[in-house]
């Protein structure tokens, strides 16, 4: 299997987020890690969610896409800026109709 790691510079505070973990759903053949990073600069607090996903190519794409879209909608409601990247092994433009997902290329 693959795995997902995220390296965060030690000048940022970092905490793992399990709320959006796709592995908690049965039959999803993927791994992911999401962290919230924060940094205080003078009077401004910077706060982001950073995530990495590794979806195995032999898994059910419809199930994975539905779980991912559901989690992205929850993520969007948190009003926290973020980046999610990884090895998705699918064309999300073709397999995504949800308005909570924005693909940037």
PDB file of N, CA and C in Angstrom:
ATOM      1  N   UNK A   1       0.837  -1.178   0.000  1.00  0.00           N
ATOM      2  CA  UNK A   1       0.000   0.000   0.000  1.00  0.00           C
ATOM      3  C   UNK A   1       0.880   1.238   0.000  1.00  0.00           C
ATOM      4  N   UNK A   2       0.269   2.372  -0.232  1.00  0.00           N
ATOM      5  CA  UNK A   2       1.008   3.631  -0.363  1.00  0.00           C
ATOM      6  C   UNK A   2       1.246   4.297   0.967  1.00  0.00           C
ATOM      7  N   UNK A   3       0.420   5.230   1.296  1.00  0.00           N
ATOM      8  CA  UNK A   3       0.553   5.993   2.517  1.00  0.00           C
ATOM      9  C   UNK A   3       0.562   7.478   2.207  1.00  0.00           C
ATOM     10  N   UNK A   4       0.372   8.277   3.222  1.00  0.00           N
ATOM     11  CA  UNK A   4       0.358   9.727   3.062  1.00  0.00           C
ATOM     12  C   UNK A   4       1.109  10.339   4.225  1.00  0.00           C
ATOM     13  N   UNK A   5       2.005  11.248   3.909  1.00  0.00           N
ATOM     14  CA  UNK A   5       2.730  12.008   4.928  1.00  0.00           C
ATOM     15  C   UNK A   5       2.619  13.483   4.604  1.00  0.00           C
ATOM     16  N   UNK A   6       2.607  14.303   5.629  1.00  0.00           N
ATOM     17  CA  UNK A   6       2.656  15.753   5.472  1.00  0.00           C
ATOM     18  C   UNK A   6       3.731  16.271   6.406  1.00  0.00           C
ATOM     19  N   UNK A   7       4.669  16.987   5.851  1.00  0.00           N
ATOM     20  CA  UNK A   7       5.740  17.583   6.644  1.00  0.00           C
ATOM     21  C   UNK A   7       5.427  19.057   6.836  1.00  0.00           C
ATOM     22  N   UNK A   8       5.455  19.506   8.095  1.00  0.00           N
ATOM     23  CA  UNK A   8       5.117  20.884   8.433  1.00  0.00           C
ATOM     24  C   UNK A   8       6.317  21.525   9.109  1.00  0.00           C
ATOM     25  N   UNK A   9       6.707  22.694   8.624  1.00  0.00           N
ATOM     26  CA  UNK A   9       7.805  23.444   9.218  1.00  0.00           C
ATOM     27  C   UNK A   9       7.506  23.692  10.689  1.00  0.00           C
ATOM     28  N   UNK A  10       8.526  23.579  11.540  1.00  0.00           N
ATOM     29  CA  UNK A  10       8.295  23.685  12.988  1.00  0.00           C
ATOM     30  C   UNK A  10       7.995  25.113  13.453  1.00  0.00           C
ATOM     31  N   UNK A  11       7.918  26.074  12.545  1.00  0.00           N
ATOM     32  CA  UNK A  11       7.486  27.421  12.928  1.00  0.00           C
ATOM     33  C   UNK A  11       5.955  27.527  12.952  1.00  0.00           C
ATOM     34  N   UNK A  12       5.273  26.487  12.501  1.00  0.00           N
ATOM     35  CA  UNK A  12       3.808  26.421  12.513  1.00  0.00           C
ATOM     36  C   UNK A  12       3.346  25.463  13.604  1.00  0.00           C
ATOM     37  N   UNK A  13       2.218  25.801  14.255  1.00  0.00           N
ATOM     38  CA  UNK A  13       1.556  24.847  15.146  1.00  0.00           C
ATOM     39  C   UNK A  13       0.767  23.895  14.262  1.00  0.00           C
ATOM     40  N   UNK A  14       0.764  22.638  14.610  1.00  0.00           N
ATOM     41  CA  UNK A  14       0.127  21.643  13.752  1.00  0.00           C
ATOM     42  C   UNK A  14      -0.688  20.672  14.595  1.00  0.00           C
ATOM     43  N   UNK A  15      -1.906  20.377  14.142  1.00  0.00           N
ATOM     44  CA  UNK A  15      -2.719  19.348  14.804  1.00  0.00           C
ATOM     45  C   UNK A  15      -3.447  18.533  13.747  1.00  0.00           C
ATOM     46  N   UNK A  16      -3.489  17.235  13.954  1.00  0.00           N
ATOM     47  CA  UNK A  16      -4.147  16.325  13.018  1.00  0.00           C
ATOM     48  C   UNK A  16      -5.657  16.460  13.149  1.00  0.00           C
ATOM     49  N   UNK A  17      -6.349  16.373  12.018  1.00  0.00           N
ATOM     50  CA  UNK A  17      -7.812  16.446  11.985  1.00  0.00           C
ATOM     51  C   UNK A  17      -8.338  15.096  11.525  1.00  0.00           C
ATOM     52  N   UNK A  18      -9.149  14.443  12.331  1.00  0.00           N
ATOM     53  CA  UNK A  18      -9.716  13.151  11.950  1.00  0.00           C
ATOM     54  C   UNK A  18     -11.140  13.275  11.401  1.00  0.00           C
ATOM     55  N   UNK A  19     -11.733  14.451  11.523  1.00  0.00           N
ATOM     56  CA  UNK A  19     -13.128  14.666  11.125  1.00  0.00           C
ATOM     57  C   UNK A  19     -13.387  14.353   9.651  1.00  0.00           C
ATOM     58  N   UNK A  20     -12.412  14.606   8.789  1.00  0.00           N
ATOM     59  CA  UNK A  20     -12.600  14.424   7.352  1.00  0.00           C
ATOM     60  C   UNK A  20     -11.916  13.159   6.831  1.00  0.00           C
ATOM     61  N   UNK A  21     -11.629  12.216   7.681  1.00  0.00           N
ATOM     62  CA  UNK A  21     -10.896  11.017   7.288  1.00  0.00           C
ATOM     63  C   UNK A  21     -11.771  10.105   6.437  1.00  0.00           C
ATOM     64  N   UNK A  22     -11.351   9.853   5.182  1.00  0.00           N
ATOM     65  CA  UNK A  22     -12.149   8.995   4.300  1.00  0.00           C
ATOM     66  C   UNK A  22     -12.059   7.530   4.684  1.00  0.00           C
ATOM     67  N   UNK A  23     -11.072   7.153   5.484  1.00  0.00           N
ATOM     68  CA  UNK A  23     -10.901   5.749   5.863  1.00  0.00           C
ATOM     69  C   UNK A  23     -11.939   5.280   6.873  1.00  0.00           C
ATOM     70  N   UNK A  24     -12.667   6.194   7.499  1.00  0.00           N
ATOM     71  CA  UNK A  24     -13.661   5.757   8.480  1.00  0.00           C
ATOM     72  C   UNK A  24     -14.905   5.179   7.814  1.00  0.00           C
ATOM     73  N   UNK A  25     -14.980   5.299   6.480  1.00  0.00           N
ATOM     74  CA  UNK A  25     -16.094   4.727   5.735  1.00  0.00           C
ATOM     75  C   UNK A  25     -15.681   3.344   5.229  1.00  0.00           C
ATOM     76  N   UNK A  26     -16.551   2.370   5.384  1.00  0.00           N
ATOM     77  CA  UNK A  26     -16.252   1.007   4.923  1.00  0.00           C
ATOM     78  C   UNK A  26     -16.058   0.983   3.413  1.00  0.00           C
ATOM     79  N   UNK A  27     -15.161   0.156   2.964  1.00  0.00           N
ATOM     80  CA  UNK A  27     -14.935  -0.103   1.542  1.00  0.00           C
ATOM     81  C   UNK A  27     -14.303   1.044   0.765  1.00  0.00           C
ATOM     82  N   UNK A  28     -13.854   2.113   1.403  1.00  0.00           N
ATOM     83  CA  UNK A  28     -13.128   3.163   0.695  1.00  0.00           C
ATOM     84  C   UNK A  28     -11.661   2.778   0.683  1.00  0.00           C
ATOM     85  N   UNK A  29     -11.130   2.536  -0.514  1.00  0.00           N
ATOM     86  CA  UNK A  29      -9.737   2.115  -0.635  1.00  0.00           C
ATOM     87  C   UNK A  29      -8.869   3.345  -0.880  1.00  0.00           C
ATOM     88  N   UNK A  30      -8.618   4.079   0.191  1.00  0.00           N
ATOM     89  CA  UNK A  30      -7.810   5.294   0.124  1.00  0.00           C
ATOM     90  C   UNK A  30      -7.249   5.569   1.505  1.00  0.00           C
ATOM     91  N   UNK A  31      -6.212   6.375   1.514  1.00  0.00           N
ATOM     92  CA  UNK A  31      -5.646   6.861   2.764  1.00  0.00           C
ATOM     93  C   UNK A  31      -5.598   8.375   2.691  1.00  0.00           C
ATOM     94  N   UNK A  32      -5.767   9.031   3.806  1.00  0.00           N
ATOM     95  CA  UNK A  32      -5.616  10.478   3.804  1.00  0.00           C
ATOM     96  C   UNK A  32      -5.161  10.975   5.167  1.00  0.00           C
ATOM     97  N   UNK A  33      -4.538  12.130   5.143  1.00  0.00           N
ATOM     98  CA  UNK A  33      -4.111  12.832   6.350  1.00  0.00           C
ATOM     99  C   UNK A  33      -4.500  14.291   6.173  1.00  0.00           C
ATOM    100  N   UNK A  34      -5.139  14.862   7.175  1.00  0.00           N
ATOM    101  CA  UNK A  34      -5.440  16.284   7.170  1.00  0.00           C
ATOM    102  C   UNK A  34      -4.934  16.890   8.461  1.00  0.00           C
ATOM    103  N   UNK A  35      -4.313  18.052   8.335  1.00  0.00           N
ATOM    104  CA  UNK A  35      -3.803  18.762   9.497  1.00  0.00           C
ATOM    105  C   UNK A  35      -4.251  20.210   9.433  1.00  0.00           C
ATOM    106  N   UNK A  36      -4.411  20.788  10.596  1.00  0.00           N
ATOM    107  CA  UNK A  36      -4.665  22.230  10.679  1.00  0.00           C
ATOM    108  C   UNK A  36      -3.370  22.876  11.136  1.00  0.00           C
ATOM    109  N   UNK A  37      -2.911  23.867  10.375  1.00  0.00           N
ATOM    110  CA  UNK A  37      -1.696  24.561  10.753  1.00  0.00           C
ATOM    111  C   UNK A  37      -2.040  26.009  11.076  1.00  0.00           C
ATOM    112  N   UNK A  38      -1.423  26.536  12.123  1.00  0.00           N
ATOM    113  CA  UNK A  38      -1.656  27.920  12.530  1.00  0.00           C
ATOM    114  C   UNK A  38      -0.326  28.580  12.871  1.00  0.00           C
ATOM    115  N   UNK A  39      -0.322  29.885  12.674  1.00  0.00           N
ATOM    116  CA  UNK A  39       0.874  30.668  12.972  1.00  0.00           C
ATOM    117  C   UNK A  39       0.429  32.070  13.346  1.00  0.00           C
ATOM    118  N   UNK A  40       1.001  32.584  14.408  1.00  0.00           N
ATOM    119  CA  UNK A  40       0.680  33.942  14.857  1.00  0.00           C
ATOM    120  C   UNK A  40       1.737  34.895  14.303  1.00  0.00           C
ATOM    121  N   UNK A  41       1.293  35.892  13.542  1.00  0.00           N
ATOM    122  CA  UNK A  41       2.164  36.944  13.026  1.00  0.00           C
ATOM    123  C   UNK A  41       1.623  38.284  13.498  1.00  0.00           C
ATOM    124  N   UNK A  42       2.319  38.903  14.438  1.00  0.00           N
ATOM    125  CA  UNK A  42       1.877  40.173  15.034  1.00  0.00           C
ATOM    126  C   UNK A  42       0.427  40.041  15.490  1.00  0.00           C
ATOM    127  N   UNK A  43      -0.484  40.767  14.882  1.00  0.00           N
ATOM    128  CA  UNK A  43      -1.899  40.722  15.295  1.00  0.00           C
ATOM    129  C   UNK A  43      -2.752  39.824  14.408  1.00  0.00           C
ATOM    130  N   UNK A  44      -2.119  39.045  13.551  1.00  0.00           N
ATOM    131  CA  UNK A  44      -2.851  38.199  12.606  1.00  0.00           C
ATOM    132  C   UNK A  44      -2.565  36.730  12.907  1.00  0.00           C
ATOM    133  N   UNK A  45      -3.624  35.936  12.939  1.00  0.00           N
ATOM    134  CA  UNK A  45      -3.461  34.487  13.062  1.00  0.00           C
ATOM    135  C   UNK A  45      -3.729  33.861  11.708  1.00  0.00           C
ATOM    136  N   UNK A  46      -2.734  33.183  11.174  1.00  0.00           N
ATOM    137  CA  UNK A  46      -2.899  32.446   9.928  1.00  0.00           C
ATOM    138  C   UNK A  46      -3.360  31.037  10.271  1.00  0.00           C
ATOM    139  N   UNK A  47      -4.372  30.555   9.549  1.00  0.00           N
ATOM    140  CA  UNK A  47      -4.927  29.233   9.836  1.00  0.00           C
ATOM    141  C   UNK A  47      -5.330  28.574   8.528  1.00  0.00           C
ATOM    142  N   UNK A  48      -4.817  27.361   8.309  1.00  0.00           N
ATOM    143  CA  UNK A  48      -5.102  26.620   7.083  1.00  0.00           C
ATOM    144  C   UNK A  48      -5.324  25.151   7.416  1.00  0.00           C
ATOM    145  N   UNK A  49      -6.054  24.481   6.528  1.00  0.00           N
ATOM    146  CA  UNK A  49      -6.147  23.032   6.576  1.00  0.00           C
ATOM    147  C   UNK A  49      -5.390  22.511   5.366  1.00  0.00           C
ATOM    148  N   UNK A  50      -4.490  21.566   5.597  1.00  0.00           N
ATOM    149  CA  UNK A  50      -3.691  20.966   4.536  1.00  0.00           C
ATOM    150  C   UNK A  50      -3.944  19.463   4.559  1.00  0.00           C
ATOM    151  N   UNK A  51      -4.226  18.910   3.385  1.00  0.00           N
ATOM    152  CA  UNK A  51      -4.527  17.487   3.334  1.00  0.00           C
ATOM    153  C   UNK A  51      -3.836  16.781   2.198  1.00  0.00           C
ATOM    154  N   UNK A  52      -3.604  15.509   2.407  1.00  0.00           N
ATOM    155  CA  UNK A  52      -3.046  14.652   1.378  1.00  0.00           C
ATOM    156  C   UNK A  52      -3.881  13.397   1.255  1.00  0.00           C
ATOM    157  N   UNK A  53      -4.119  12.954   0.007  1.00  0.00           N
ATOM    158  CA  UNK A  53      -4.951  11.777  -0.252  1.00  0.00           C
ATOM    159  C   UNK A  53      -4.210  10.833  -1.183  1.00  0.00           C
ATOM    160  N   UNK A  54      -4.300   9.551  -0.901  1.00  0.00           N
ATOM    161  CA  UNK A  54      -3.799   8.521  -1.802  1.00  0.00           C
ATOM    162  C   UNK A  54      -4.933   7.522  -2.020  1.00  0.00           C
ATOM    163  N   UNK A  55      -5.550   7.563  -3.223  1.00  0.00           N
ATOM    164  CA  UNK A  55      -6.625   6.628  -3.560  1.00  0.00           C
ATOM    165  C   UNK A  55      -6.040   5.518  -4.410  1.00  0.00           C
ATOM    166  N   UNK A  56      -6.315   4.290  -4.021  1.00  0.00           N
ATOM    167  CA  UNK A  56      -5.821   3.143  -4.767  1.00  0.00           C
ATOM    168  C   UNK A  56      -6.662   2.957  -6.027  1.00  0.00           C
ATOM    169  N   UNK A  57      -6.012   2.693  -7.126  1.00  0.00           N
ATOM    170  CA  UNK A  57      -6.687   2.641  -8.426  1.00  0.00           C
ATOM    171  C   UNK A  57      -7.687   1.493  -8.541  1.00  0.00           C
ATOM    172  N   UNK A  58      -7.606   0.484  -7.681  1.00  0.00           N
ATOM    173  CA  UNK A  58      -8.527  -0.652  -7.780  1.00  0.00           C
ATOM    174  C   UNK A  58      -9.806  -0.466  -6.967  1.00  0.00           C
ATOM    175  N   UNK A  59      -9.986   0.680  -6.346  1.00  0.00           N
ATOM    176  CA  UNK A  59     -11.155   0.897  -5.491  1.00  0.00           C
ATOM    177  C   UNK A  59     -12.371   1.384  -6.242  1.00  0.00           C
ATOM    178  N   UNK A  60     -13.487   1.392  -5.563  1.00  0.00           N
ATOM    179  CA  UNK A  60     -14.764   1.851  -6.116  1.00  0.00           C
ATOM    180  C   UNK A  60     -14.730   3.371  -6.247  1.00  0.00           C
ATOM    181  N   UNK A  61     -14.679   3.866  -7.480  1.00  0.00           N
ATOM    182  CA  UNK A  61     -14.547   5.302  -7.721  1.00  0.00           C
ATOM    183  C   UNK A  61     -15.795   6.069  -7.302  1.00  0.00           C
ATOM    184  N   UNK A  62     -16.976   5.499  -7.497  1.00  0.00           N
ATOM    185  CA  UNK A  62     -18.212   6.193  -7.118  1.00  0.00           C
ATOM    186  C   UNK A  62     -18.288   6.398  -5.609  1.00  0.00           C
ATOM    187  N   UNK A  63     -17.947   5.363  -4.845  1.00  0.00           N
ATOM    188  CA  UNK A  63     -17.955   5.472  -3.386  1.00  0.00           C
ATOM    189  C   UNK A  63     -16.932   6.499  -2.925  1.00  0.00           C
ATOM    190  N   UNK A  64     -15.719   6.425  -3.469  1.00  0.00           N
ATOM    191  CA  UNK A  64     -14.678   7.376  -3.095  1.00  0.00           C
ATOM    192  C   UNK A  64     -15.103   8.806  -3.409  1.00  0.00           C
ATOM    193  N   UNK A  65     -15.638   9.033  -4.603  1.00  0.00           N
ATOM    194  CA  UNK A  65     -16.048  10.379  -5.013  1.00  0.00           C
ATOM    195  C   UNK A  65     -17.150  10.911  -4.109  1.00  0.00           C
ATOM    196  N   UNK A  66     -18.123  10.064  -3.764  1.00  0.00           N
ATOM    197  CA  UNK A  66     -19.211  10.504  -2.877  1.00  0.00           C
ATOM    198  C   UNK A  66     -18.694  10.885  -1.492  1.00  0.00           C
ATOM    199  N   UNK A  67     -17.798  10.068  -0.941  1.00  0.00           N
ATOM    200  CA  UNK A  67     -17.233  10.358   0.384  1.00  0.00           C
ATOM    201  C   UNK A  67     -16.378  11.617   0.326  1.00  0.00           C
ATOM    202  N   UNK A  68     -15.569  11.764  -0.716  1.00  0.00           N
ATOM    203  CA  UNK A  68     -14.729  12.943  -0.865  1.00  0.00           C
ATOM    204  C   UNK A  68     -15.572  14.204  -0.984  1.00  0.00           C
ATOM    205  N   UNK A  69     -16.616  14.162  -1.803  1.00  0.00           N
ATOM    206  CA  UNK A  69     -17.486  15.328  -1.970  1.00  0.00           C
ATOM    207  C   UNK A  69     -18.176  15.703  -0.663  1.00  0.00           C
ATOM    208  N   UNK A  70     -18.646  14.716   0.060  1.00  0.00           N
ATOM    209  CA  UNK A  70     -19.289  14.966   1.354  1.00  0.00           C
ATOM    210  C   UNK A  70     -18.318  15.667   2.305  1.00  0.00           C
ATOM    211  N   UNK A  71     -17.085  15.155   2.367  1.00  0.00           N
ATOM    212  CA  UNK A  71     -16.084  15.753   3.249  1.00  0.00           C
ATOM    213  C   UNK A  71     -15.680  17.149   2.792  1.00  0.00           C
ATOM    214  N   UNK A  72     -15.578  17.368   1.474  1.00  0.00           N
ATOM    215  CA  UNK A  72     -15.228  18.696   0.970  1.00  0.00           C
ATOM    216  C   UNK A  72     -16.321  19.715   1.284  1.00  0.00           C
ATOM    217  N   UNK A  73     -17.575  19.286   1.256  1.00  0.00           N
ATOM    218  CA  UNK A  73     -18.674  20.193   1.627  1.00  0.00           C
ATOM    219  C   UNK A  73     -18.584  20.579   3.104  1.00  0.00           C
ATOM    220  N   UNK A  74     -18.275  19.608   3.971  1.00  0.00           N
ATOM    221  CA  UNK A  74     -18.085  19.918   5.396  1.00  0.00           C
ATOM    222  C   UNK A  74     -16.895  20.846   5.583  1.00  0.00           C
ATOM    223  N   UNK A  75     -15.828  20.564   4.847  1.00  0.00           N
ATOM    224  CA  UNK A  75     -14.614  21.374   4.897  1.00  0.00           C
ATOM    225  C   UNK A  75     -14.923  22.814   4.485  1.00  0.00           C
ATOM    226  N   UNK A  76     -15.715  22.978   3.425  1.00  0.00           N
ATOM    227  CA  UNK A  76     -16.079  24.313   2.942  1.00  0.00           C
ATOM    228  C   UNK A  76     -16.874  25.086   3.993  1.00  0.00           C
ATOM    229  N   UNK A  77     -17.737  24.419   4.722  1.00  0.00           N
ATOM    230  CA  UNK A  77     -18.559  25.077   5.738  1.00  0.00           C
ATOM    231  C   UNK A  77     -17.737  25.586   6.913  1.00  0.00           C
ATOM    232  N   UNK A  78     -16.514  25.079   7.075  1.00  0.00           N
ATOM    233  CA  UNK A  78     -15.665  25.531   8.181  1.00  0.00           C
ATOM    234  C   UNK A  78     -15.066  26.907   7.930  1.00  0.00           C
ATOM    235  N   UNK A  79     -15.181  27.403   6.691  1.00  0.00           N
ATOM    236  CA  UNK A  79     -14.650  28.719   6.311  1.00  0.00           C
ATOM    237  C   UNK A  79     -13.165  28.863   6.616  1.00  0.00           C
ATOM    238  N   UNK A  80     -12.417  27.776   6.518  1.00  0.00           N
ATOM    239  CA  UNK A  80     -10.971  27.804   6.698  1.00  0.00           C
ATOM    240  C   UNK A  80     -10.324  27.529   5.351  1.00  0.00           C
ATOM    241  N   UNK A  81      -9.365  28.347   4.974  1.00  0.00           N
ATOM    242  CA  UNK A  81      -8.663  28.136   3.714  1.00  0.00           C
ATOM    243  C   UNK A  81      -7.892  26.838   3.781  1.00  0.00           C
ATOM    244  N   UNK A  82      -7.741  26.186   2.646  1.00  0.00           N
ATOM    245  CA  UNK A  82      -7.008  24.936   2.683  1.00  0.00           C
ATOM    246  C   UNK A  82      -6.604  24.436   1.321  1.00  0.00           C
ATOM    247  N   UNK A  83      -5.754  23.440   1.370  1.00  0.00           N
ATOM    248  CA  UNK A  83      -5.273  22.777   0.162  1.00  0.00           C
ATOM    249  C   UNK A  83      -5.334  21.276   0.396  1.00  0.00           C
ATOM    250  N   UNK A  84      -5.883  20.566  -0.582  1.00  0.00           N
ATOM    251  CA  UNK A  84      -5.876  19.110  -0.534  1.00  0.00           C
ATOM    252  C   UNK A  84      -5.239  18.643  -1.839  1.00  0.00           C
ATOM    253  N   UNK A  85      -4.246  17.791  -1.722  1.00  0.00           N
ATOM    254  CA  UNK A  85      -3.535  17.295  -2.894  1.00  0.00           C
ATOM    255  C   UNK A  85      -3.228  15.822  -2.702  1.00  0.00           C
ATOM    256  N   UNK A  86      -2.872  15.165  -3.784  1.00  0.00           N
ATOM    257  CA  UNK A  86      -2.483  13.772  -3.653  1.00  0.00           C
ATOM    258  C   UNK A  86      -2.639  12.996  -4.935  1.00  0.00           C
ATOM    259  N   UNK A  87      -2.601  11.701  -4.784  1.00  0.00           N
ATOM    260  CA  UNK A  87      -2.744  10.766  -5.896  1.00  0.00           C
ATOM    261  C   UNK A  87      -4.180  10.262  -5.876  1.00  0.00           C
ATOM    262  N   UNK A  88      -5.022  10.841  -6.732  1.00  0.00           N
ATOM    263  CA  UNK A  88      -6.446  10.530  -6.723  1.00  0.00           C
ATOM    264  C   UNK A  88      -6.764   9.344  -7.648  1.00  0.00           C
ATOM    265  N   UNK A  89      -5.974   9.155  -8.696  1.00  0.00           N
ATOM    266  CA  UNK A  89      -6.172   8.066  -9.656  1.00  0.00           C
ATOM    267  C   UNK A  89      -7.539   8.083 -10.321  1.00  0.00           C
ATOM    268  N   UNK A  90      -8.032   9.282 -10.644  1.00  0.00           N
ATOM    269  CA  UNK A  90      -9.275   9.420 -11.398  1.00  0.00           C
ATOM    270  C   UNK A  90      -9.349  10.829 -11.951  1.00  0.00           C
ATOM    271  N   UNK A  91     -10.264  11.045 -12.868  1.00  0.00           N
ATOM    272  CA  UNK A  91     -10.523  12.371 -13.411  1.00  0.00           C
ATOM    273  C   UNK A  91     -11.705  12.948 -12.640  1.00  0.00           C
ATOM    274  N   UNK A  92     -11.438  13.809 -11.670  1.00  0.00           N
ATOM    275  CA  UNK A  92     -12.508  14.355 -10.831  1.00  0.00           C
ATOM    276  C   UNK A  92     -13.446  15.267 -11.607  1.00  0.00           C
ATOM    277  N   UNK A  93     -12.985  15.842 -12.715  1.00  0.00           N
ATOM    278  CA  UNK A  93     -13.878  16.676 -13.517  1.00  0.00           C
ATOM    279  C   UNK A  93     -14.993  15.825 -14.109  1.00  0.00           C
ATOM    280  N   UNK A  94     -14.659  14.638 -14.574  1.00  0.00           N
ATOM    281  CA  UNK A  94     -15.659  13.733 -15.142  1.00  0.00           C
ATOM    282  C   UNK A  94     -16.536  13.138 -14.051  1.00  0.00           C
ATOM    283  N   UNK A  95     -15.946  12.808 -12.899  1.00  0.00           N
ATOM    284  CA  UNK A  95     -16.664  12.086 -11.849  1.00  0.00           C
ATOM    285  C   UNK A  95     -17.245  12.989 -10.767  1.00  0.00           C
ATOM    286  N   UNK A  96     -17.249  14.307 -10.961  1.00  0.00           N
ATOM    287  CA  UNK A  96     -17.718  15.215  -9.921  1.00  0.00           C
ATOM    288  C   UNK A  96     -18.763  16.162 -10.475  1.00  0.00           C
ATOM    289  N   UNK A  97     -19.929  16.177  -9.871  1.00  0.00           N
ATOM    290  CA  UNK A  97     -20.981  17.115 -10.250  1.00  0.00           C
ATOM    291  C   UNK A  97     -21.358  18.030  -9.090  1.00  0.00           C
ATOM    292  N   UNK A  98     -20.765  17.847  -7.917  1.00  0.00           N
ATOM    293  CA  UNK A  98     -21.137  18.585  -6.720  1.00  0.00           C
ATOM    294  C   UNK A  98     -20.607  20.004  -6.782  1.00  0.00           C
ATOM    295  N   UNK A  99     -21.407  20.966  -6.336  1.00  0.00           N
ATOM    296  CA  UNK A  99     -20.995  22.375  -6.381  1.00  0.00           C
ATOM    297  C   UNK A  99     -19.995  22.734  -5.284  1.00  0.00           C
ATOM    298  N   UNK A 100     -19.729  21.836  -4.354  1.00  0.00           N
ATOM    299  CA  UNK A 100     -18.752  22.114  -3.295  1.00  0.00           C
ATOM    300  C   UNK A 100     -17.333  21.854  -3.762  1.00  0.00           C
ATOM    301  N   UNK A 101     -17.181  21.311  -4.957  1.00  0.00           N
ATOM    302  CA  UNK A 101     -15.857  20.947  -5.447  1.00  0.00           C
ATOM    303  C   UNK A 101     -15.446  21.915  -6.550  1.00  0.00           C
ATOM    304  N   UNK A 102     -14.273  22.492  -6.412  1.00  0.00           N
ATOM    305  CA  UNK A 102     -13.724  23.356  -7.445  1.00  0.00           C
ATOM    306  C   UNK A 102     -12.372  22.800  -7.857  1.00  0.00           C
ATOM    307  N   UNK A 103     -12.238  22.448  -9.109  1.00  0.00           N
ATOM    308  CA  UNK A 103     -10.993  21.896  -9.635  1.00  0.00           C
ATOM    309  C   UNK A 103     -10.201  23.039 -10.236  1.00  0.00           C
ATOM    310  N   UNK A 104      -8.956  23.209  -9.792  1.00  0.00           N
ATOM    311  CA  UNK A 104      -8.091  24.251 -10.332  1.00  0.00           C
ATOM    312  C   UNK A 104      -6.926  23.568 -11.014  1.00  0.00           C
ATOM    313  N   UNK A 105      -6.706  23.902 -12.266  1.00  0.00           N
ATOM    314  CA  UNK A 105      -5.611  23.293 -13.022  1.00  0.00           C
ATOM    315  C   UNK A 105      -4.681  24.374 -13.521  1.00  0.00           C
TER     316      UNK A 105
END
